[in-house]
Amino acid sequence: MKTIKEAASEYVGDKEAFIDGVKFAHRWISVEDELPESNRVVLVKNDRDRKSVGWYIQVYTDWVIAEFPSSTKEFGNVIHWRPIELPPAPKEACARRRKPQKYKN
């Protein structure tokens, strides 16, 4: 995996803007400043610096942590979150695959 500086050296545009953009994308967002949209899967971090995947449910004003779906108490208080790119849903992934050919007997 390339470092930020190595990737910036291959970037044709403004290298400082590229580095600033990468740093921005890697920042943790405080739950006091902003919450993700409801049901959006994000990375979460608790007050003990433990990280996991979870989502915020606005109706219940509570988090669901993937490791502990029945209780967020085991994970602790979510204090930061960060957006993540999820792979395409299986239906979308299947649509991109080549369709099987029909063979004549």
N, C-alpha and C. Protein backbone atom coordinates (compact mmCIF):
# COMPACT_ATOMS: atom_id res chain seq x y z
N MET A 1 0.84 -1.18 0.00
CA MET A 1 0.00 0.00 0.00
C MET A 1 0.88 1.24 0.00
N LYS A 2 0.49 2.22 -0.78
CA LYS A 2 1.28 3.44 -0.91
C LYS A 2 1.03 4.38 0.27
N THR A 3 2.03 5.16 0.59
CA THR A 3 1.84 6.21 1.57
C THR A 3 1.12 7.37 0.89
N ILE A 4 0.63 8.30 1.69
CA ILE A 4 -0.06 9.47 1.13
C ILE A 4 0.89 10.25 0.23
N LYS A 5 2.13 10.41 0.65
CA LYS A 5 3.10 11.18 -0.15
C LYS A 5 3.43 10.47 -1.46
N GLU A 6 3.52 9.13 -1.44
CA GLU A 6 3.78 8.40 -2.68
C GLU A 6 2.62 8.55 -3.66
N ALA A 7 1.40 8.46 -3.13
CA ALA A 7 0.23 8.64 -4.00
C ALA A 7 0.17 10.06 -4.54
N ALA A 8 0.51 11.03 -3.70
CA ALA A 8 0.48 12.44 -4.13
C ALA A 8 1.50 12.69 -5.23
N SER A 9 2.64 12.00 -5.17
CA SER A 9 3.67 12.20 -6.19
C SER A 9 3.20 11.74 -7.57
N GLU A 10 2.25 10.80 -7.60
CA GLU A 10 1.70 10.32 -8.88
C GLU A 10 0.51 11.16 -9.33
N TYR A 11 0.00 12.01 -8.45
CA TYR A 11 -1.16 12.83 -8.75
C TYR A 11 -0.74 14.00 -9.63
N VAL A 12 -1.49 14.27 -10.68
CA VAL A 12 -1.13 15.30 -11.65
C VAL A 12 -1.47 16.71 -11.15
N GLY A 13 -2.55 16.85 -10.38
CA GLY A 13 -3.02 18.16 -9.94
C GLY A 13 -2.24 18.71 -8.76
N ASP A 14 -2.90 19.53 -7.97
CA ASP A 14 -2.33 20.19 -6.81
C ASP A 14 -2.05 19.15 -5.72
N LYS A 15 -0.76 18.88 -5.47
CA LYS A 15 -0.38 17.84 -4.52
C LYS A 15 -0.79 18.17 -3.09
N GLU A 16 -0.70 19.43 -2.69
CA GLU A 16 -1.10 19.83 -1.33
C GLU A 16 -2.61 19.64 -1.14
N ALA A 17 -3.38 19.96 -2.16
CA ALA A 17 -4.83 19.77 -2.09
C ALA A 17 -5.17 18.28 -1.99
N PHE A 18 -4.41 17.47 -2.72
CA PHE A 18 -4.59 16.02 -2.67
C PHE A 18 -4.35 15.51 -1.25
N ILE A 19 -3.24 15.91 -0.65
CA ILE A 19 -2.89 15.48 0.71
C ILE A 19 -3.94 15.97 1.71
N ASP A 20 -4.38 17.22 1.57
CA ASP A 20 -5.42 17.75 2.46
C ASP A 20 -6.71 16.94 2.33
N GLY A 21 -7.05 16.56 1.11
CA GLY A 21 -8.26 15.76 0.89
C GLY A 21 -8.16 14.39 1.53
N VAL A 22 -7.00 13.77 1.44
CA VAL A 22 -6.80 12.45 2.06
C VAL A 22 -6.90 12.57 3.58
N LYS A 23 -6.27 13.58 4.13
CA LYS A 23 -6.34 13.79 5.58
C LYS A 23 -7.78 14.02 6.03
N PHE A 24 -8.53 14.81 5.25
CA PHE A 24 -9.93 15.05 5.57
C PHE A 24 -10.73 13.75 5.53
N ALA A 25 -10.48 12.92 4.54
CA ALA A 25 -11.22 11.66 4.40
C ALA A 25 -10.90 10.69 5.54
N HIS A 26 -9.74 10.82 6.15
CA HIS A 26 -9.33 9.92 7.23
C HIS A 26 -9.66 10.46 8.62
N ARG A 27 -10.30 11.60 8.70
CA ARG A 27 -10.58 12.18 10.02
C ARG A 27 -11.76 11.49 10.68
N TRP A 28 -11.74 11.48 12.00
CA TRP A 28 -12.85 10.96 12.78
C TRP A 28 -13.78 12.12 13.11
N ILE A 29 -15.08 11.93 12.98
CA ILE A 29 -16.07 12.97 13.23
C ILE A 29 -16.67 12.73 14.62
N SER A 30 -16.65 13.74 15.44
CA SER A 30 -17.21 13.64 16.78
C SER A 30 -18.73 13.54 16.70
N VAL A 31 -19.32 12.67 17.52
CA VAL A 31 -20.78 12.55 17.53
C VAL A 31 -21.41 13.82 18.10
N GLU A 32 -20.64 14.62 18.80
CA GLU A 32 -21.16 15.89 19.31
C GLU A 32 -21.28 16.93 18.19
N ASP A 33 -20.45 16.78 17.15
CA ASP A 33 -20.49 17.71 16.02
C ASP A 33 -21.49 17.31 14.95
N GLU A 34 -21.58 16.00 14.69
CA GLU A 34 -22.40 15.53 13.58
C GLU A 34 -22.68 14.04 13.75
N LEU A 35 -23.85 13.60 13.32
CA LEU A 35 -24.20 12.18 13.32
C LEU A 35 -24.40 11.75 11.87
N PRO A 36 -24.10 10.49 11.57
CA PRO A 36 -24.34 10.02 10.20
C PRO A 36 -25.83 9.92 9.93
N GLU A 37 -26.20 9.85 8.66
CA GLU A 37 -27.61 9.66 8.34
C GLU A 37 -28.06 8.32 8.91
N SER A 38 -29.30 8.23 9.28
CA SER A 38 -29.84 7.04 9.92
C SER A 38 -29.61 5.79 9.07
N ASN A 39 -29.18 4.73 9.71
CA ASN A 39 -28.95 3.40 9.11
C ASN A 39 -27.76 3.34 8.15
N ARG A 40 -26.94 4.35 8.09
CA ARG A 40 -25.75 4.32 7.23
C ARG A 40 -24.63 3.60 7.98
N VAL A 41 -24.05 2.59 7.37
CA VAL A 41 -22.97 1.82 8.01
C VAL A 41 -21.69 2.66 8.00
N VAL A 42 -21.09 2.80 9.19
CA VAL A 42 -19.88 3.61 9.36
C VAL A 42 -18.91 2.91 10.30
N LEU A 43 -17.67 3.39 10.32
CA LEU A 43 -16.73 2.96 11.35
C LEU A 43 -17.04 3.76 12.60
N VAL A 44 -16.95 3.12 13.75
CA VAL A 44 -17.19 3.82 15.01
C VAL A 44 -16.02 3.59 15.95
N LYS A 45 -15.83 4.54 16.86
CA LYS A 45 -14.75 4.44 17.85
C LYS A 45 -15.33 4.82 19.20
N ASN A 46 -14.96 4.04 20.24
CA ASN A 46 -15.48 4.36 21.57
C ASN A 46 -14.44 5.14 22.38
N ASP A 47 -14.78 5.42 23.63
CA ASP A 47 -13.89 6.23 24.48
C ASP A 47 -12.64 5.48 24.94
N ARG A 48 -12.55 4.19 24.64
CA ARG A 48 -11.33 3.41 24.93
C ARG A 48 -10.52 3.15 23.66
N ASP A 49 -10.83 3.88 22.58
CA ASP A 49 -10.17 3.79 21.28
C ASP A 49 -10.41 2.45 20.59
N ARG A 50 -11.44 1.73 20.98
CA ARG A 50 -11.81 0.50 20.29
C ARG A 50 -12.63 0.87 19.07
N LYS A 51 -12.39 0.18 17.96
CA LYS A 51 -13.07 0.49 16.71
C LYS A 51 -13.93 -0.69 16.27
N SER A 52 -15.01 -0.38 15.58
CA SER A 52 -15.90 -1.41 15.06
C SER A 52 -16.72 -0.81 13.92
N VAL A 53 -17.66 -1.57 13.43
CA VAL A 53 -18.59 -1.12 12.40
C VAL A 53 -19.96 -1.01 13.06
N GLY A 54 -20.68 0.05 12.73
CA GLY A 54 -22.00 0.21 13.31
C GLY A 54 -22.84 1.18 12.50
N TRP A 55 -24.04 1.45 12.98
CA TRP A 55 -24.91 2.41 12.33
C TRP A 55 -25.78 3.06 13.40
N TYR A 56 -26.15 4.29 13.10
CA TYR A 56 -26.96 5.07 14.02
C TYR A 56 -28.41 4.99 13.60
N ILE A 57 -29.31 4.75 14.57
CA ILE A 57 -30.74 4.70 14.27
C ILE A 57 -31.38 5.94 14.87
N GLN A 58 -31.73 6.86 14.01
CA GLN A 58 -32.22 8.17 14.45
C GLN A 58 -33.52 8.06 15.26
N VAL A 59 -34.41 7.17 14.87
CA VAL A 59 -35.69 7.03 15.56
C VAL A 59 -35.48 6.69 17.04
N TYR A 60 -34.48 5.83 17.32
CA TYR A 60 -34.20 5.42 18.70
C TYR A 60 -33.09 6.23 19.34
N THR A 61 -32.49 7.13 18.59
CA THR A 61 -31.32 7.90 19.02
C THR A 61 -30.29 7.00 19.69
N ASP A 62 -29.96 5.91 19.00
CA ASP A 62 -29.01 4.94 19.54
C ASP A 62 -28.22 4.30 18.40
N TRP A 63 -27.10 3.73 18.78
CA TRP A 63 -26.22 3.05 17.84
C TRP A 63 -26.45 1.54 17.89
N VAL A 64 -26.22 0.88 16.77
CA VAL A 64 -26.14 -0.58 16.71
C VAL A 64 -24.72 -0.90 16.29
N ILE A 65 -24.04 -1.70 17.08
CA ILE A 65 -22.66 -2.10 16.79
C ILE A 65 -22.69 -3.52 16.25
N ALA A 66 -22.06 -3.74 15.11
CA ALA A 66 -22.12 -5.04 14.43
C ALA A 66 -21.67 -6.19 15.33
N GLU A 67 -20.64 -5.97 16.14
CA GLU A 67 -20.14 -7.03 17.02
C GLU A 67 -21.11 -7.36 18.15
N PHE A 68 -21.91 -6.37 18.57
CA PHE A 68 -22.81 -6.53 19.69
C PHE A 68 -24.22 -6.06 19.31
N PRO A 69 -24.88 -6.75 18.38
CA PRO A 69 -26.16 -6.24 17.88
C PRO A 69 -27.26 -6.15 18.94
N SER A 70 -27.17 -6.93 20.00
CA SER A 70 -28.24 -6.90 21.01
C SER A 70 -28.02 -5.82 22.06
N SER A 71 -26.79 -5.31 22.17
CA SER A 71 -26.54 -4.30 23.20
C SER A 71 -25.29 -3.49 22.87
N THR A 72 -25.43 -2.17 22.89
CA THR A 72 -24.25 -1.32 22.67
C THR A 72 -23.46 -1.14 23.96
N LYS A 73 -24.01 -1.57 25.10
CA LYS A 73 -23.33 -1.41 26.39
C LYS A 73 -21.99 -2.14 26.40
N GLU A 74 -21.93 -3.30 25.73
CA GLU A 74 -20.68 -4.07 25.70
C GLU A 74 -19.57 -3.32 24.96
N PHE A 75 -19.93 -2.57 23.94
CA PHE A 75 -18.94 -1.82 23.16
C PHE A 75 -18.54 -0.54 23.89
N GLY A 76 -19.49 0.10 24.53
CA GLY A 76 -19.21 1.36 25.20
C GLY A 76 -19.80 2.53 24.43
N ASN A 77 -19.49 3.71 24.87
CA ASN A 77 -20.02 4.93 24.25
C ASN A 77 -19.31 5.23 22.94
N VAL A 78 -20.09 5.39 21.88
CA VAL A 78 -19.53 5.82 20.60
C VAL A 78 -19.25 7.31 20.71
N ILE A 79 -17.99 7.70 20.46
CA ILE A 79 -17.64 9.11 20.55
C ILE A 79 -17.25 9.70 19.19
N HIS A 80 -16.83 8.83 18.25
CA HIS A 80 -16.45 9.28 16.91
C HIS A 80 -16.95 8.29 15.88
N TRP A 81 -17.12 8.76 14.67
CA TRP A 81 -17.48 7.89 13.56
C TRP A 81 -16.78 8.38 12.30
N ARG A 82 -16.75 7.51 11.30
CA ARG A 82 -16.10 7.83 10.04
C ARG A 82 -16.80 7.09 8.91
N PRO A 83 -17.11 7.77 7.80
CA PRO A 83 -17.78 7.07 6.70
C PRO A 83 -16.86 6.02 6.08
N ILE A 84 -17.46 4.99 5.53
CA ILE A 84 -16.71 3.95 4.82
C ILE A 84 -17.42 3.63 3.51
N GLU A 85 -16.65 3.16 2.55
CA GLU A 85 -17.19 2.69 1.28
C GLU A 85 -17.54 1.21 1.46
N LEU A 86 -18.76 0.86 1.17
CA LEU A 86 -19.16 -0.53 1.23
C LEU A 86 -19.09 -1.15 -0.15
N PRO A 87 -18.80 -2.44 -0.22
CA PRO A 87 -18.83 -3.09 -1.53
C PRO A 87 -20.25 -3.09 -2.06
N PRO A 88 -20.41 -3.26 -3.37
CA PRO A 88 -21.76 -3.25 -3.93
C PRO A 88 -22.61 -4.38 -3.35
N ALA A 89 -23.89 -4.14 -3.28
CA ALA A 89 -24.82 -5.16 -2.80
C ALA A 89 -24.75 -6.36 -3.74
N PRO A 90 -25.02 -7.56 -3.25
CA PRO A 90 -24.92 -8.76 -4.10
C PRO A 90 -25.70 -8.65 -5.40
N LYS A 91 -26.87 -8.05 -5.38
CA LYS A 91 -27.68 -7.93 -6.61
C LYS A 91 -26.93 -7.10 -7.65
N GLU A 92 -26.31 -5.99 -7.21
CA GLU A 92 -25.56 -5.14 -8.14
C GLU A 92 -24.31 -5.86 -8.63
N ALA A 93 -23.66 -6.59 -7.74
CA ALA A 93 -22.45 -7.31 -8.12
C ALA A 93 -22.77 -8.39 -9.15
N CYS A 94 -23.89 -9.08 -8.96
CA CYS A 94 -24.28 -10.13 -9.90
C CYS A 94 -24.63 -9.55 -11.26
N ALA A 95 -25.23 -8.38 -11.28
CA ALA A 95 -25.62 -7.76 -12.54
C ALA A 95 -24.40 -7.41 -13.38
N ARG A 96 -23.28 -7.15 -12.72
CA ARG A 96 -22.07 -6.79 -13.46
C ARG A 96 -21.33 -8.01 -14.00
N ARG A 97 -21.64 -9.17 -13.47
CA ARG A 97 -20.97 -10.38 -13.96
C ARG A 97 -21.46 -10.72 -15.35
N ARG A 98 -20.61 -11.41 -16.07
CA ARG A 98 -20.98 -11.83 -17.41
C ARG A 98 -22.06 -12.90 -17.32
N LYS A 99 -23.07 -12.78 -18.17
CA LYS A 99 -24.14 -13.76 -18.18
C LYS A 99 -23.62 -15.06 -18.76
N PRO A 100 -24.06 -16.20 -18.18
CA PRO A 100 -23.61 -17.48 -18.71
C PRO A 100 -24.13 -17.72 -20.13
N GLN A 101 -23.29 -18.35 -20.91
CA GLN A 101 -23.68 -18.65 -22.29
C GLN A 101 -24.49 -19.94 -22.34
N LYS A 102 -25.41 -19.99 -23.26
CA LYS A 102 -26.20 -21.20 -23.45
C LYS A 102 -25.49 -22.06 -24.51
N TYR A 103 -25.36 -23.31 -24.17
CA TYR A 103 -24.69 -24.23 -25.10
C TYR A 103 -25.73 -25.15 -25.73
N LYS A 104 -25.53 -25.45 -27.02
CA LYS A 104 -26.41 -26.37 -27.71
C LYS A 104 -25.91 -27.77 -27.52
N ASN A 105 -26.85 -28.70 -27.33
CA ASN A 105 -26.48 -30.11 -27.18
C ASN A 105 -26.29 -30.78 -28.50
